[in-house]
Amino acid sequence: MKHATPGWAKSLPVRLMLACTLIGMLLWFAYGSLLLSNKEMASAQGNTVQSINLAFTQPLPTSQELNPALVALGTRLFHDTKLSADDTISCASCHNLGTGGVDNRSRSVGIKGGVGGVNAPTVFNSGLNFVQFWDGRAGSLEDQIDGPVTHPLEMGSVWTQVVAKLKSDSYYKVAFAQLFKDGVSVPNIKTSIATFERSLVTPDSRFDQFLKGNVNALNEKEKNGYALFQSYGCSSCHQGVNLGGNMFEKMGLMGDYFADRGNITDADKGRFNITHSLDNMHEFRVPTLRNVALTAPYFHDGSAQTLEDAIRVMVKYQLGRPMPTKDLNDIAAFLRTLTGQYQGKSL
C-alpha cells in the first residue's frame, strides 16, 4: 500500500526551508563542538586562558618542500663574502643565524665601515612576510637580494662582478651546473639564496606547543601575558602565523613618536619613500615577533634596547593608553615564549 505524500512536502519553497533548517542545525552542532573543545582547553589551562582567542595566530610549519641541494647552495652563498665588493661582508654579517638572524646593532655596518640607515630585520621566518624591507619596497625574497648586494653602504657590489667571482670558483661552477641549465647567473643566485632563506623557519617554540594543545607549555604569567597582548590590542597588528609581517602600520598612531625622538632621517619616512604619498608617511611593515627576545635593539631605528623598552614605546605611541608594570612584564614574559627552534635546536 502506497502512502500519500503530504501536500506540504510537495512544495519546493517548504522543502528548501527544511533543508536550510537542517544545515543550520548541523552547523550549530559543529560550532557547539568547537566551543566545547575550547572550553575543555580553557578549563585545563585555568581561568586566565578563558579570555584568550586562539584564532589570532597559528603554529609555524614544521616542514617544507624545498630542494635540499638548492638550500645547500643558498646557504653557502648567504655566508660568502664574495658577494661584496671587497670580499669582507656576507649576508650573514648582518643576519647572523647565531644571534636570532640579526646583528644586534642599531644600524648594520657594511664595507669600509659604512653604516646603514635602518636596523637589520631578522632573516628567520622572512619567507612568511608579505613584503620585504621595513618600507616594503621588495615584493619577494628574490627581489630583496638586489638591495644589500648593490647598496654602497652594505656590500657595495655590482652583479657583473659577483657573477665573475662565482664563475671563477670551482665549487660554484659545478653546483650551479647541477641545478641550473645556464649555470651561474643573477636570477639563479637570487633563487638559491631566497630558497635558503625560505628554509629559515623556526617552529616548536613553547607558544607553538601551547597552540597545538600542550596546556602546560606556558606558565600562568605567560598565559596572562598573551591574554593581555590581545586585550590591549597588540594582536590587531601582530597576528597570523608570523605574529606580524603581514601588514603596514604607521609609527606613532597615538602620539608623535618622531618629534619626541628627534633627529628625523629620510629612513623615518618609511613607505612614503616608495609611494610618495603622504598617506604612507612614517608607515612601515609590521615586524614579526617570532624570536623577538633575541633580536634587540628594536624598531626600524633600533632605538629600543630591551623588550620592555619596546613595549613601553608601543603602549605610548601605538595604543595611547597606560599600562601597569605588572601587565607590561607579563606581556614581555609571553613574548619570550616565541623563541623557536632551528634545525632541531633552540635558538
C-alpha atoms as a PDB file:
ATOM      1  CA  MET A   1       0.000   0.000   0.000  1.00  0.00           C
ATOM      2  CA  LYS A   2       1.396   3.370  -1.021  1.00  0.00           C
ATOM      3  CA  HIS A   3       1.223   6.222   1.434  1.00  0.00           C
ATOM      4  CA  ALA A   4       0.178   9.572   0.037  1.00  0.00           C
ATOM      5  CA  THR A   5       2.796  12.310   0.169  1.00  0.00           C
ATOM      6  CA  PRO A   6       1.602  15.172   2.372  1.00  0.00           C
ATOM      7  CA  GLY A   7       0.844  18.336   0.473  1.00  0.00           C
ATOM      8  CA  TRP A   8       3.320  20.414   2.476  1.00  0.00           C
ATOM      9  CA  ALA A   9       6.171  18.115   1.419  1.00  0.00           C
ATOM     10  CA  LYS A  10       5.468  18.763  -2.269  1.00  0.00           C
ATOM     11  CA  SER A  11       6.117  22.493  -2.002  1.00  0.00           C
ATOM     12  CA  LEU A  12       9.593  23.468  -3.282  1.00  0.00           C
ATOM     13  CA  PRO A  13       9.907  26.539  -1.024  1.00  0.00           C
ATOM     14  CA  VAL A  14       8.989  24.463   2.017  1.00  0.00           C
ATOM     15  CA  ARG A  15      11.472  21.743   1.067  1.00  0.00           C
ATOM     16  CA  LEU A  16      14.200  24.384   0.686  1.00  0.00           C
ATOM     17  CA  MET A  17      13.296  25.841   4.067  1.00  0.00           C
ATOM     18  CA  LEU A  18      13.532  22.418   5.685  1.00  0.00           C
ATOM     19  CA  ALA A  19      16.892  21.761   4.026  1.00  0.00           C
ATOM     20  CA  CYS A  20      18.265  25.111   5.245  1.00  0.00           C
ATOM     21  CA  THR A  21      16.982  24.396   8.731  1.00  0.00           C
ATOM     22  CA  LEU A  22      18.724  21.023   8.743  1.00  0.00           C
ATOM     23  CA  ILE A  23      22.003  22.550   7.506  1.00  0.00           C
ATOM     24  CA  GLY A  24      21.725  25.261  10.166  1.00  0.00           C
ATOM     25  CA  MET A  25      21.259  22.642  12.874  1.00  0.00           C
ATOM     26  CA  LEU A  26      24.315  20.729  11.671  1.00  0.00           C
ATOM     27  CA  LEU A  27      26.434  23.906  11.643  1.00  0.00           C
ATOM     28  CA  TRP A  28      25.221  24.785  15.141  1.00  0.00           C
ATOM     29  CA  PHE A  29      26.191  21.357  16.424  1.00  0.00           C
ATOM     30  CA  ALA A  30      29.626  21.704  14.792  1.00  0.00           C
ATOM     31  CA  TYR A  31      30.076  25.166  16.332  1.00  0.00           C
ATOM     32  CA  GLY A  32      28.958  23.768  19.682  1.00  0.00           C
ATOM     33  CA  SER A  33      31.601  21.063  19.419  1.00  0.00           C
ATOM     34  CA  LEU A  34      34.270  23.708  18.728  1.00  0.00           C
ATOM     35  CA  LEU A  35      33.123  25.751  21.718  1.00  0.00           C
ATOM     36  CA  LEU A  36      33.221  22.642  23.864  1.00  0.00           C
ATOM     37  CA  SER A  37      36.768  21.922  22.704  1.00  0.00           C
ATOM     38  CA  ASN A  38      37.842  25.478  23.594  1.00  0.00           C
ATOM     39  CA  LYS A  39      36.083  25.269  26.963  1.00  0.00           C
ATOM     40  CA  GLU A  40      37.814  21.999  27.739  1.00  0.00           C
ATOM     41  CA  MET A  41      41.157  23.606  26.860  1.00  0.00           C
ATOM     42  CA  ALA A  42      40.301  26.668  28.925  1.00  0.00           C
ATOM     43  CA  SER A  43      39.388  24.511  31.899  1.00  0.00           C
ATOM     44  CA  ALA A  44      42.712  22.706  31.662  1.00  0.00           C
ATOM     45  CA  GLN A  45      44.639  25.966  31.341  1.00  0.00           C
ATOM     46  CA  GLY A  46      42.985  27.863  34.161  1.00  0.00           C
ATOM     47  CA  ASN A  47      40.757  30.911  34.306  1.00  0.00           C
ATOM     48  CA  THR A  48      43.228  33.242  32.550  1.00  0.00           C
ATOM     49  CA  VAL A  49      43.025  31.488  29.209  1.00  0.00           C
ATOM     50  CA  GLN A  50      39.245  31.960  29.004  1.00  0.00           C
ATOM     51  CA  SER A  51      39.990  35.470  27.729  1.00  0.00           C
ATOM     52  CA  ILE A  52      42.366  34.190  25.037  1.00  0.00           C
ATOM     53  CA  ASN A  53      41.219  33.886  21.448  1.00  0.00           C
ATOM     54  CA  LEU A  54      43.231  31.033  19.936  1.00  0.00           C
ATOM     55  CA  ALA A  55      42.294  32.052  16.395  1.00  0.00           C
ATOM     56  CA  PHE A  56      44.639  35.068  16.235  1.00  0.00           C
ATOM     57  CA  THR A  57      47.657  33.042  15.172  1.00  0.00           C
ATOM     58  CA  GLN A  58      48.773  29.582  14.130  1.00  0.00           C
ATOM     59  CA  PRO A  59      51.832  27.416  14.843  1.00  0.00           C
ATOM     60  CA  LEU A  60      54.739  27.689  12.448  1.00  0.00           C
ATOM     61  CA  PRO A  61      55.019  24.794   9.975  1.00  0.00           C
ATOM     62  CA  THR A  62      57.462  22.070  10.996  1.00  0.00           C
ATOM     63  CA  SER A  63      58.436  21.021   7.476  1.00  0.00           C
ATOM     64  CA  GLN A  64      58.787  22.489   3.999  1.00  0.00           C
ATOM     65  CA  GLU A  65      59.122  21.116   0.491  1.00  0.00           C
ATOM     66  CA  LEU A  66      62.390  22.672  -0.656  1.00  0.00           C
ATOM     67  CA  ASN A  67      65.157  21.243  -2.840  1.00  0.00           C
ATOM     68  CA  PRO A  68      67.938  20.276  -0.360  1.00  0.00           C
ATOM     69  CA  ALA A  69      70.685  20.878  -2.947  1.00  0.00           C
ATOM     70  CA  LEU A  70      69.320  24.334  -3.686  1.00  0.00           C
ATOM     71  CA  VAL A  71      69.131  25.108   0.034  1.00  0.00           C
ATOM     72  CA  ALA A  72      72.753  23.967   0.440  1.00  0.00           C
ATOM     73  CA  LEU A  73      73.908  26.210  -2.402  1.00  0.00           C
ATOM     74  CA  GLY A  74      71.955  29.127  -0.993  1.00  0.00           C
ATOM     75  CA  THR A  75      73.461  28.515   2.441  1.00  0.00           C
ATOM     76  CA  ARG A  76      76.963  28.803   1.043  1.00  0.00           C
ATOM     77  CA  LEU A  77      76.138  31.952  -0.908  1.00  0.00           C
ATOM     78  CA  PHE A  78      74.471  33.517   2.125  1.00  0.00           C
ATOM     79  CA  HIS A  79      77.695  33.115   4.111  1.00  0.00           C
ATOM     80  CA  ASP A  80      80.104  34.014   1.284  1.00  0.00           C
ATOM     81  CA  THR A  81      81.852  37.408   1.335  1.00  0.00           C
ATOM     82  CA  LYS A  82      82.366  37.181  -2.435  1.00  0.00           C
ATOM     83  CA  LEU A  83      79.031  38.902  -2.819  1.00  0.00           C
ATOM     84  CA  SER A  84      80.571  42.144  -1.514  1.00  0.00           C
ATOM     85  CA  ALA A  85      82.853  44.435  -3.484  1.00  0.00           C
ATOM     86  CA  ASP A  86      85.889  43.969  -1.219  1.00  0.00           C
ATOM     87  CA  ASP A  87      85.191  40.398  -0.039  1.00  0.00           C
ATOM     88  CA  THR A  88      84.581  41.459   3.565  1.00  0.00           C
ATOM     89  CA  ILE A  89      80.797  41.325   4.028  1.00  0.00           C
ATOM     90  CA  SER A  90      78.328  38.459   3.606  1.00  0.00           C
ATOM     91  CA  CYS A  91      74.580  38.298   4.122  1.00  0.00           C
ATOM     92  CA  ALA A  92      75.325  36.606   7.442  1.00  0.00           C
ATOM     93  CA  SER A  93      77.365  39.603   8.593  1.00  0.00           C
ATOM     94  CA  CYS A  94      74.117  41.482   9.273  1.00  0.00           C
ATOM     95  CA  HIS A  95      71.837  38.450   9.604  1.00  0.00           C
ATOM     96  CA  ASN A  96      73.733  36.154  11.931  1.00  0.00           C
ATOM     97  CA  LEU A  97      71.892  32.871  12.443  1.00  0.00           C
ATOM     98  CA  GLY A  98      73.596  32.516  15.812  1.00  0.00           C
ATOM     99  CA  THR A  99      72.047  35.716  17.161  1.00  0.00           C
ATOM    100  CA  GLY A 100      68.422  35.487  16.090  1.00  0.00           C
ATOM    101  CA  GLY A 101      69.041  36.289  12.426  1.00  0.00           C
ATOM    102  CA  VAL A 102      70.231  39.835  13.193  1.00  0.00           C
ATOM    103  CA  ASP A 103      73.480  41.574  14.205  1.00  0.00           C
ATOM    104  CA  ASN A 104      72.113  43.186  17.404  1.00  0.00           C
ATOM    105  CA  ARG A 105      73.211  46.632  16.200  1.00  0.00           C
ATOM    106  CA  SER A 106      71.014  49.698  15.863  1.00  0.00           C
ATOM    107  CA  ARG A 107      72.479  50.101  12.364  1.00  0.00           C
ATOM    108  CA  SER A 108      74.406  47.488  10.419  1.00  0.00           C
ATOM    109  CA  VAL A 109      77.989  48.065   9.313  1.00  0.00           C
ATOM    110  CA  GLY A 110      78.908  47.357   5.692  1.00  0.00           C
ATOM    111  CA  ILE A 111      82.038  47.586   3.559  1.00  0.00           C
ATOM    112  CA  LYS A 112      84.653  50.151   4.552  1.00  0.00           C
ATOM    113  CA  GLY A 113      82.752  50.816   7.775  1.00  0.00           C
ATOM    114  CA  GLY A 114      79.659  52.181   6.065  1.00  0.00           C
ATOM    115  CA  VAL A 115      76.636  52.431   8.371  1.00  0.00           C
ATOM    116  CA  GLY A 116      73.162  51.663   7.068  1.00  0.00           C
ATOM    117  CA  GLY A 117      70.049  53.761   7.594  1.00  0.00           C
ATOM    118  CA  VAL A 118      67.852  51.225   9.399  1.00  0.00           C
ATOM    119  CA  ASN A 119      68.016  48.366  11.854  1.00  0.00           C
ATOM    120  CA  ALA A 120      68.507  44.951  10.190  1.00  0.00           C
ATOM    121  CA  PRO A 121      65.314  42.844  10.487  1.00  0.00           C
ATOM    122  CA  THR A 122      65.639  39.156  11.267  1.00  0.00           C
ATOM    123  CA  VAL A 123      66.086  36.744   8.382  1.00  0.00           C
ATOM    124  CA  PHE A 124      64.377  33.957  10.331  1.00  0.00           C
ATOM    125  CA  ASN A 125      60.824  33.342   9.062  1.00  0.00           C
ATOM    126  CA  SER A 126      61.330  36.128   6.493  1.00  0.00           C
ATOM    127  CA  GLY A 127      59.757  33.947   3.826  1.00  0.00           C
ATOM    128  CA  LEU A 128      56.447  34.375   5.657  1.00  0.00           C
ATOM    129  CA  ASN A 129      56.480  38.187   5.341  1.00  0.00           C
ATOM    130  CA  PHE A 130      54.136  39.594   2.718  1.00  0.00           C
ATOM    131  CA  VAL A 131      56.811  42.072   1.553  1.00  0.00           C
ATOM    132  CA  GLN A 132      60.483  42.608   2.379  1.00  0.00           C
ATOM    133  CA  PHE A 133      62.333  45.556   3.971  1.00  0.00           C
ATOM    134  CA  TRP A 134      60.851  47.908   6.553  1.00  0.00           C
ATOM    135  CA  ASP A 135      59.350  50.056   3.807  1.00  0.00           C
ATOM    136  CA  GLY A 136      58.062  47.071   1.821  1.00  0.00           C
ATOM    137  CA  ARG A 137      59.893  48.027  -1.360  1.00  0.00           C
ATOM    138  CA  ALA A 138      60.590  44.399  -2.366  1.00  0.00           C
ATOM    139  CA  GLY A 139      57.742  42.052  -3.103  1.00  0.00           C
ATOM    140  CA  SER A 140      59.752  38.848  -2.699  1.00  0.00           C
ATOM    141  CA  LEU A 141      62.910  37.447  -1.185  1.00  0.00           C
ATOM    142  CA  GLU A 142      64.399  37.276  -4.673  1.00  0.00           C
ATOM    143  CA  ASP A 143      63.741  40.979  -5.255  1.00  0.00           C
ATOM    144  CA  GLN A 144      65.110  41.833  -1.820  1.00  0.00           C
ATOM    145  CA  ILE A 145      68.582  40.472  -2.636  1.00  0.00           C
ATOM    146  CA  ASP A 146      69.353  43.344  -5.002  1.00  0.00           C
ATOM    147  CA  GLY A 147      69.208  45.785  -2.099  1.00  0.00           C
ATOM    148  CA  PRO A 148      72.123  44.725   0.096  1.00  0.00           C
ATOM    149  CA  VAL A 149      74.332  43.462  -2.754  1.00  0.00           C
ATOM    150  CA  THR A 150      74.330  46.772  -4.622  1.00  0.00           C
ATOM    151  CA  HIS A 151      73.872  49.244  -1.756  1.00  0.00           C
ATOM    152  CA  PRO A 152      77.051  51.364  -1.424  1.00  0.00           C
ATOM    153  CA  LEU A 153      76.959  51.228   2.382  1.00  0.00           C
ATOM    154  CA  GLU A 154      76.283  47.491   2.591  1.00  0.00           C
ATOM    155  CA  MET A 155      78.003  45.176   0.094  1.00  0.00           C
ATOM    156  CA  GLY A 156      78.705  47.877  -2.470  1.00  0.00           C
ATOM    157  CA  SER A 157      78.991  45.436  -5.357  1.00  0.00           C
ATOM    158  CA  VAL A 158      77.612  45.096  -8.886  1.00  0.00           C
ATOM    159  CA  TRP A 159      76.141  41.911 -10.289  1.00  0.00           C
ATOM    160  CA  THR A 160      78.658  41.562 -13.102  1.00  0.00           C
ATOM    161  CA  GLN A 161      81.428  41.490 -10.507  1.00  0.00           C
ATOM    162  CA  VAL A 162      79.595  38.943  -8.344  1.00  0.00           C
ATOM    163  CA  VAL A 163      78.887  36.627 -11.283  1.00  0.00           C
ATOM    164  CA  ALA A 164      82.518  36.792 -12.422  1.00  0.00           C
ATOM    165  CA  LYS A 165      83.780  35.854  -8.950  1.00  0.00           C
ATOM    166  CA  LEU A 166      81.414  32.896  -8.645  1.00  0.00           C
ATOM    167  CA  LYS A 167      82.207  31.621 -12.144  1.00  0.00           C
ATOM    168  CA  SER A 168      85.887  31.525 -11.236  1.00  0.00           C
ATOM    169  CA  ASP A 169      85.142  29.370  -8.184  1.00  0.00           C
ATOM    170  CA  SER A 170      85.253  25.618  -8.977  1.00  0.00           C
ATOM    171  CA  TYR A 171      82.655  24.729  -6.320  1.00  0.00           C
ATOM    172  CA  TYR A 172      80.098  27.178  -7.667  1.00  0.00           C
ATOM    173  CA  LYS A 173      80.698  26.195 -11.299  1.00  0.00           C
ATOM    174  CA  VAL A 174      79.801  22.591 -10.502  1.00  0.00           C
ATOM    175  CA  ALA A 175      76.983  23.340  -8.054  1.00  0.00           C
ATOM    176  CA  PHE A 176      75.184  25.772 -10.361  1.00  0.00           C
ATOM    177  CA  ALA A 177      75.641  23.475 -13.388  1.00  0.00           C
ATOM    178  CA  GLN A 178      73.976  20.636 -11.489  1.00  0.00           C
ATOM    179  CA  LEU A 179      70.951  22.751 -10.585  1.00  0.00           C
ATOM    180  CA  PHE A 180      70.567  25.168 -13.499  1.00  0.00           C
ATOM    181  CA  LYS A 181      70.956  24.658 -17.247  1.00  0.00           C
ATOM    182  CA  ASP A 182      72.510  28.094 -17.646  1.00  0.00           C
ATOM    183  CA  GLY A 183      74.835  27.787 -14.646  1.00  0.00           C
ATOM    184  CA  VAL A 184      75.872  30.877 -12.696  1.00  0.00           C
ATOM    185  CA  SER A 185      73.571  33.832 -13.380  1.00  0.00           C
ATOM    186  CA  VAL A 186      71.951  36.621 -11.396  1.00  0.00           C
ATOM    187  CA  PRO A 187      68.467  35.013 -11.349  1.00  0.00           C
ATOM    188  CA  ASN A 188      69.976  31.680 -10.275  1.00  0.00           C
ATOM    189  CA  ILE A 189      71.987  33.311  -7.489  1.00  0.00           C
ATOM    190  CA  LYS A 190      68.834  35.008  -6.241  1.00  0.00           C
ATOM    191  CA  THR A 191      66.805  31.805  -6.456  1.00  0.00           C
ATOM    192  CA  SER A 192      69.415  29.912  -4.438  1.00  0.00           C
ATOM    193  CA  ILE A 193      69.710  32.476  -1.655  1.00  0.00           C
ATOM    194  CA  ALA A 194      65.940  33.006  -1.462  1.00  0.00           C
ATOM    195  CA  THR A 195      65.337  29.259  -1.236  1.00  0.00           C
ATOM    196  CA  PHE A 196      67.769  29.034   1.670  1.00  0.00           C
ATOM    197  CA  GLU A 197      66.053  31.968   3.368  1.00  0.00           C
ATOM    198  CA  ARG A 198      62.689  30.237   2.989  1.00  0.00           C
ATOM    199  CA  SER A 199      64.140  27.295   4.891  1.00  0.00           C
ATOM    200  CA  LEU A 200      64.830  29.508   7.911  1.00  0.00           C
ATOM    201  CA  VAL A 201      61.582  28.713   9.701  1.00  0.00           C
ATOM    202  CA  THR A 202      61.765  28.332  13.489  1.00  0.00           C
ATOM    203  CA  PRO A 203      58.911  26.124  14.713  1.00  0.00           C
ATOM    204  CA  ASP A 204      58.256  24.445  18.069  1.00  0.00           C
ATOM    205  CA  SER A 205      58.510  27.469  20.320  1.00  0.00           C
ATOM    206  CA  ARG A 206      56.755  26.992  23.632  1.00  0.00           C
ATOM    207  CA  PHE A 207      53.994  29.197  22.264  1.00  0.00           C
ATOM    208  CA  ASP A 208      53.616  26.885  19.239  1.00  0.00           C
ATOM    209  CA  GLN A 209      53.356  23.935  21.599  1.00  0.00           C
ATOM    210  CA  PHE A 210      50.646  25.794  23.512  1.00  0.00           C
ATOM    211  CA  LEU A 211      48.740  26.470  20.297  1.00  0.00           C
ATOM    212  CA  LYS A 212      48.920  22.774  19.471  1.00  0.00           C
ATOM    213  CA  GLY A 213      47.220  21.896  22.739  1.00  0.00           C
ATOM    214  CA  ASN A 214      50.041  21.458  25.250  1.00  0.00           C
ATOM    215  CA  VAL A 215      48.372  23.347  28.077  1.00  0.00           C
ATOM    216  CA  ASN A 216      51.499  23.193  30.243  1.00  0.00           C
ATOM    217  CA  ALA A 217      53.821  24.764  27.654  1.00  0.00           C
ATOM    218  CA  LEU A 218      53.194  28.225  29.134  1.00  0.00           C
ATOM    219  CA  ASN A 219      53.036  29.142  32.799  1.00  0.00           C
ATOM    220  CA  GLU A 220      50.264  31.323  34.242  1.00  0.00           C
ATOM    221  CA  LYS A 221      52.269  34.556  33.896  1.00  0.00           C
ATOM    222  CA  GLU A 222      52.900  33.831  30.212  1.00  0.00           C
ATOM    223  CA  LYS A 223      49.282  32.850  29.565  1.00  0.00           C
ATOM    224  CA  ASN A 224      48.124  36.041  31.208  1.00  0.00           C
ATOM    225  CA  GLY A 225      50.640  37.923  29.072  1.00  0.00           C
ATOM    226  CA  TYR A 226      49.058  36.526  25.927  1.00  0.00           C
ATOM    227  CA  ALA A 227      45.577  37.411  27.183  1.00  0.00           C
ATOM    228  CA  LEU A 228      46.774  40.971  27.857  1.00  0.00           C
ATOM    229  CA  PHE A 229      48.540  41.061  24.472  1.00  0.00           C
ATOM    230  CA  GLN A 230      45.112  40.562  22.935  1.00  0.00           C
ATOM    231  CA  SER A 231      43.017  42.712  25.270  1.00  0.00           C
ATOM    232  CA  TYR A 232      45.314  45.747  24.956  1.00  0.00           C
ATOM    233  CA  GLY A 233      45.155  45.456  21.155  1.00  0.00           C
ATOM    234  CA  CYS A 234      48.698  44.315  20.322  1.00  0.00           C
ATOM    235  CA  SER A 235      47.280  41.423  18.316  1.00  0.00           C
ATOM    236  CA  SER A 236      45.465  43.769  15.943  1.00  0.00           C
ATOM    237  CA  CYS A 237      48.807  44.191  14.157  1.00  0.00           C
ATOM    238  CA  HIS A 238      50.794  41.217  15.432  1.00  0.00           C
ATOM    239  CA  GLN A 239      48.738  38.208  14.339  1.00  0.00           C
ATOM    240  CA  GLY A 240      48.880  35.409  11.807  1.00  0.00           C
ATOM    241  CA  VAL A 241      51.421  32.618  11.704  1.00  0.00           C
ATOM    242  CA  ASN A 242      54.337  35.067  11.914  1.00  0.00           C
ATOM    243  CA  LEU A 243      52.762  37.321  14.563  1.00  0.00           C
ATOM    244  CA  GLY A 244      53.335  40.213  12.191  1.00  0.00           C
ATOM    245  CA  GLY A 245      54.915  40.728   8.792  1.00  0.00           C
ATOM    246  CA  ASN A 246      51.553  40.779   7.008  1.00  0.00           C
ATOM    247  CA  MET A 247      50.540  44.454   7.005  1.00  0.00           C
ATOM    248  CA  PHE A 248      51.772  48.054   7.121  1.00  0.00           C
ATOM    249  CA  GLU A 249      51.165  50.413  10.014  1.00  0.00           C
ATOM    250  CA  LYS A 250      52.126  53.967  10.940  1.00  0.00           C
ATOM    251  CA  MET A 251      54.678  54.515  13.684  1.00  0.00           C
ATOM    252  CA  GLY A 252      53.023  56.974  16.064  1.00  0.00           C
ATOM    253  CA  LEU A 253      49.282  56.407  15.743  1.00  0.00           C
ATOM    254  CA  MET A 254      48.548  57.923  19.154  1.00  0.00           C
ATOM    255  CA  GLY A 255      51.448  60.334  19.533  1.00  0.00           C
ATOM    256  CA  ASP A 256      54.218  61.998  17.564  1.00  0.00           C
ATOM    257  CA  TYR A 257      56.983  59.432  18.040  1.00  0.00           C
ATOM    258  CA  PHE A 258      59.394  61.130  15.648  1.00  0.00           C
ATOM    259  CA  ALA A 259      59.029  64.629  17.100  1.00  0.00           C
ATOM    260  CA  ASP A 260      59.652  63.254  20.585  1.00  0.00           C
ATOM    261  CA  ARG A 261      62.629  61.193  19.447  1.00  0.00           C
ATOM    262  CA  GLY A 262      64.162  63.929  17.294  1.00  0.00           C
ATOM    263  CA  ASN A 263      66.920  63.673  14.656  1.00  0.00           C
ATOM    264  CA  ILE A 264      64.491  62.702  11.894  1.00  0.00           C
ATOM    265  CA  THR A 265      66.072  60.955   8.899  1.00  0.00           C
ATOM    266  CA  ASP A 266      64.869  60.009   5.422  1.00  0.00           C
ATOM    267  CA  ALA A 267      64.534  56.413   6.608  1.00  0.00           C
ATOM    268  CA  ASP A 268      61.939  57.581   9.154  1.00  0.00           C
ATOM    269  CA  LYS A 269      59.596  58.455   6.303  1.00  0.00           C
ATOM    270  CA  GLY A 270      59.075  54.736   5.733  1.00  0.00           C
ATOM    271  CA  ARG A 271      56.801  53.736   2.894  1.00  0.00           C
ATOM    272  CA  PHE A 272      56.463  57.377   1.795  1.00  0.00           C
ATOM    273  CA  ASN A 273      59.892  56.997   0.199  1.00  0.00           C
ATOM    274  CA  ILE A 274      58.398  54.380  -2.129  1.00  0.00           C
ATOM    275  CA  THR A 275      54.904  55.709  -2.859  1.00  0.00           C
ATOM    276  CA  HIS A 276      55.497  59.469  -2.332  1.00  0.00           C
ATOM    277  CA  SER A 277      52.020  59.600  -0.835  1.00  0.00           C
ATOM    278  CA  LEU A 278      51.568  61.489   2.436  1.00  0.00           C
ATOM    279  CA  ASP A 279      49.148  58.733   3.478  1.00  0.00           C
ATOM    280  CA  ASN A 280      52.194  56.474   3.787  1.00  0.00           C
ATOM    281  CA  MET A 281      54.384  58.853   5.791  1.00  0.00           C
ATOM    282  CA  HIS A 282      56.034  57.043   8.753  1.00  0.00           C
ATOM    283  CA  GLU A 283      54.407  53.781   7.633  1.00  0.00           C
ATOM    284  CA  PHE A 284      56.361  50.531   7.988  1.00  0.00           C
ATOM    285  CA  ARG A 285      55.859  46.818   7.609  1.00  0.00           C
ATOM    286  CA  VAL A 286      54.811  45.436  10.969  1.00  0.00           C
ATOM    287  CA  PRO A 287      57.711  43.243  12.145  1.00  0.00           C
ATOM    288  CA  THR A 288      57.333  39.616  13.120  1.00  0.00           C
ATOM    289  CA  LEU A 289      57.507  38.918  16.852  1.00  0.00           C
ATOM    290  CA  ARG A 290      58.870  35.418  16.337  1.00  0.00           C
ATOM    291  CA  ASN A 291      62.163  35.078  18.291  1.00  0.00           C
ATOM    292  CA  VAL A 292      61.761  38.711  19.372  1.00  0.00           C
ATOM    293  CA  ALA A 293      63.614  38.132  22.645  1.00  0.00           C
ATOM    294  CA  LEU A 294      66.782  37.607  20.570  1.00  0.00           C
ATOM    295  CA  THR A 295      66.540  40.477  18.098  1.00  0.00           C
ATOM    296  CA  ALA A 296      67.220  43.644  20.107  1.00  0.00           C
ATOM    297  CA  PRO A 297      67.523  46.541  19.519  1.00  0.00           C
ATOM    298  CA  TYR A 298      64.015  47.130  18.212  1.00  0.00           C
ATOM    299  CA  PHE A 299      62.122  49.140  15.578  1.00  0.00           C
ATOM    300  CA  HIS A 300      63.377  50.400  12.236  1.00  0.00           C
ATOM    301  CA  ASP A 301      65.645  52.853  14.047  1.00  0.00           C
ATOM    302  CA  GLY A 302      66.983  50.414  16.644  1.00  0.00           C
ATOM    303  CA  SER A 303      66.018  52.882  19.378  1.00  0.00           C
ATOM    304  CA  ALA A 304      64.585  50.446  21.947  1.00  0.00           C
ATOM    305  CA  GLN A 305      67.338  48.491  23.648  1.00  0.00           C
ATOM    306  CA  THR A 306      65.207  45.990  25.582  1.00  0.00           C
ATOM    307  CA  LEU A 307      61.944  44.159  25.092  1.00  0.00           C
ATOM    308  CA  GLU A 308      60.414  46.099  27.961  1.00  0.00           C
ATOM    309  CA  ASP A 309      61.530  49.396  26.385  1.00  0.00           C
ATOM    310  CA  ALA A 310      59.892  48.366  23.112  1.00  0.00           C
ATOM    311  CA  ILE A 311      56.610  47.546  24.843  1.00  0.00           C
ATOM    312  CA  ARG A 312      56.605  50.934  26.610  1.00  0.00           C
ATOM    313  CA  VAL A 313      57.049  52.728  23.284  1.00  0.00           C
ATOM    314  CA  MET A 314      54.267  50.702  21.656  1.00  0.00           C
ATOM    315  CA  VAL A 315      51.905  51.333  24.558  1.00  0.00           C
ATOM    316  CA  LYS A 316      52.505  55.107  24.406  1.00  0.00           C
ATOM    317  CA  TYR A 317      52.640  55.739  20.680  1.00  0.00           C
ATOM    318  CA  GLN A 318      50.547  52.942  19.166  1.00  0.00           C
ATOM    319  CA  LEU A 319      47.946  52.225  21.858  1.00  0.00           C
ATOM    320  CA  GLY A 320      47.838  55.599  23.621  1.00  0.00           C
ATOM    321  CA  ARG A 321      46.886  54.164  26.980  1.00  0.00           C
ATOM    322  CA  PRO A 322      48.511  53.470  30.353  1.00  0.00           C
ATOM    323  CA  MET A 323      49.800  50.024  31.240  1.00  0.00           C
ATOM    324  CA  PRO A 324      50.659  48.869  34.764  1.00  0.00           C
ATOM    325  CA  THR A 325      54.159  47.466  35.224  1.00  0.00           C
ATOM    326  CA  LYS A 326      52.784  44.021  36.038  1.00  0.00           C
ATOM    327  CA  ASP A 327      50.875  43.870  32.759  1.00  0.00           C
ATOM    328  CA  LEU A 328      53.951  45.025  30.846  1.00  0.00           C
ATOM    329  CA  ASN A 329      56.104  42.351  32.488  1.00  0.00           C
ATOM    330  CA  ASP A 330      53.521  39.650  31.783  1.00  0.00           C
ATOM    331  CA  ILE A 331      53.406  40.618  28.104  1.00  0.00           C
ATOM    332  CA  ALA A 332      57.212  40.540  27.982  1.00  0.00           C
ATOM    333  CA  ALA A 333      57.127  37.074  29.549  1.00  0.00           C
ATOM    334  CA  PHE A 334      54.721  35.928  26.828  1.00  0.00           C
ATOM    335  CA  LEU A 335      56.919  37.378  24.079  1.00  0.00           C
ATOM    336  CA  ARG A 336      59.873  35.370  25.398  1.00  0.00           C
ATOM    337  CA  THR A 337      57.917  32.164  24.705  1.00  0.00           C
ATOM    338  CA  LEU A 338      58.104  32.920  20.960  1.00  0.00           C
ATOM    339  CA  THR A 339      61.718  31.725  20.635  1.00  0.00           C
ATOM    340  CA  GLY A 340      61.649  28.739  18.321  1.00  0.00           C
ATOM    341  CA  GLN A 341      63.997  26.052  17.056  1.00  0.00           C
ATOM    342  CA  TYR A 342      66.232  25.899  14.007  1.00  0.00           C
ATOM    343  CA  GLN A 343      67.464  22.541  12.739  1.00  0.00           C
ATOM    344  CA  GLY A 344      66.087  20.894  15.876  1.00  0.00           C
ATOM    345  CA  LYS A 345      67.883  23.146  18.351  1.00  0.00           C
ATOM    346  CA  SER A 346      66.537  26.067  20.333  1.00  0.00           C
ATOM    347  CA  LEU A 347      67.783  29.451  19.130  1.00  0.00           C
END
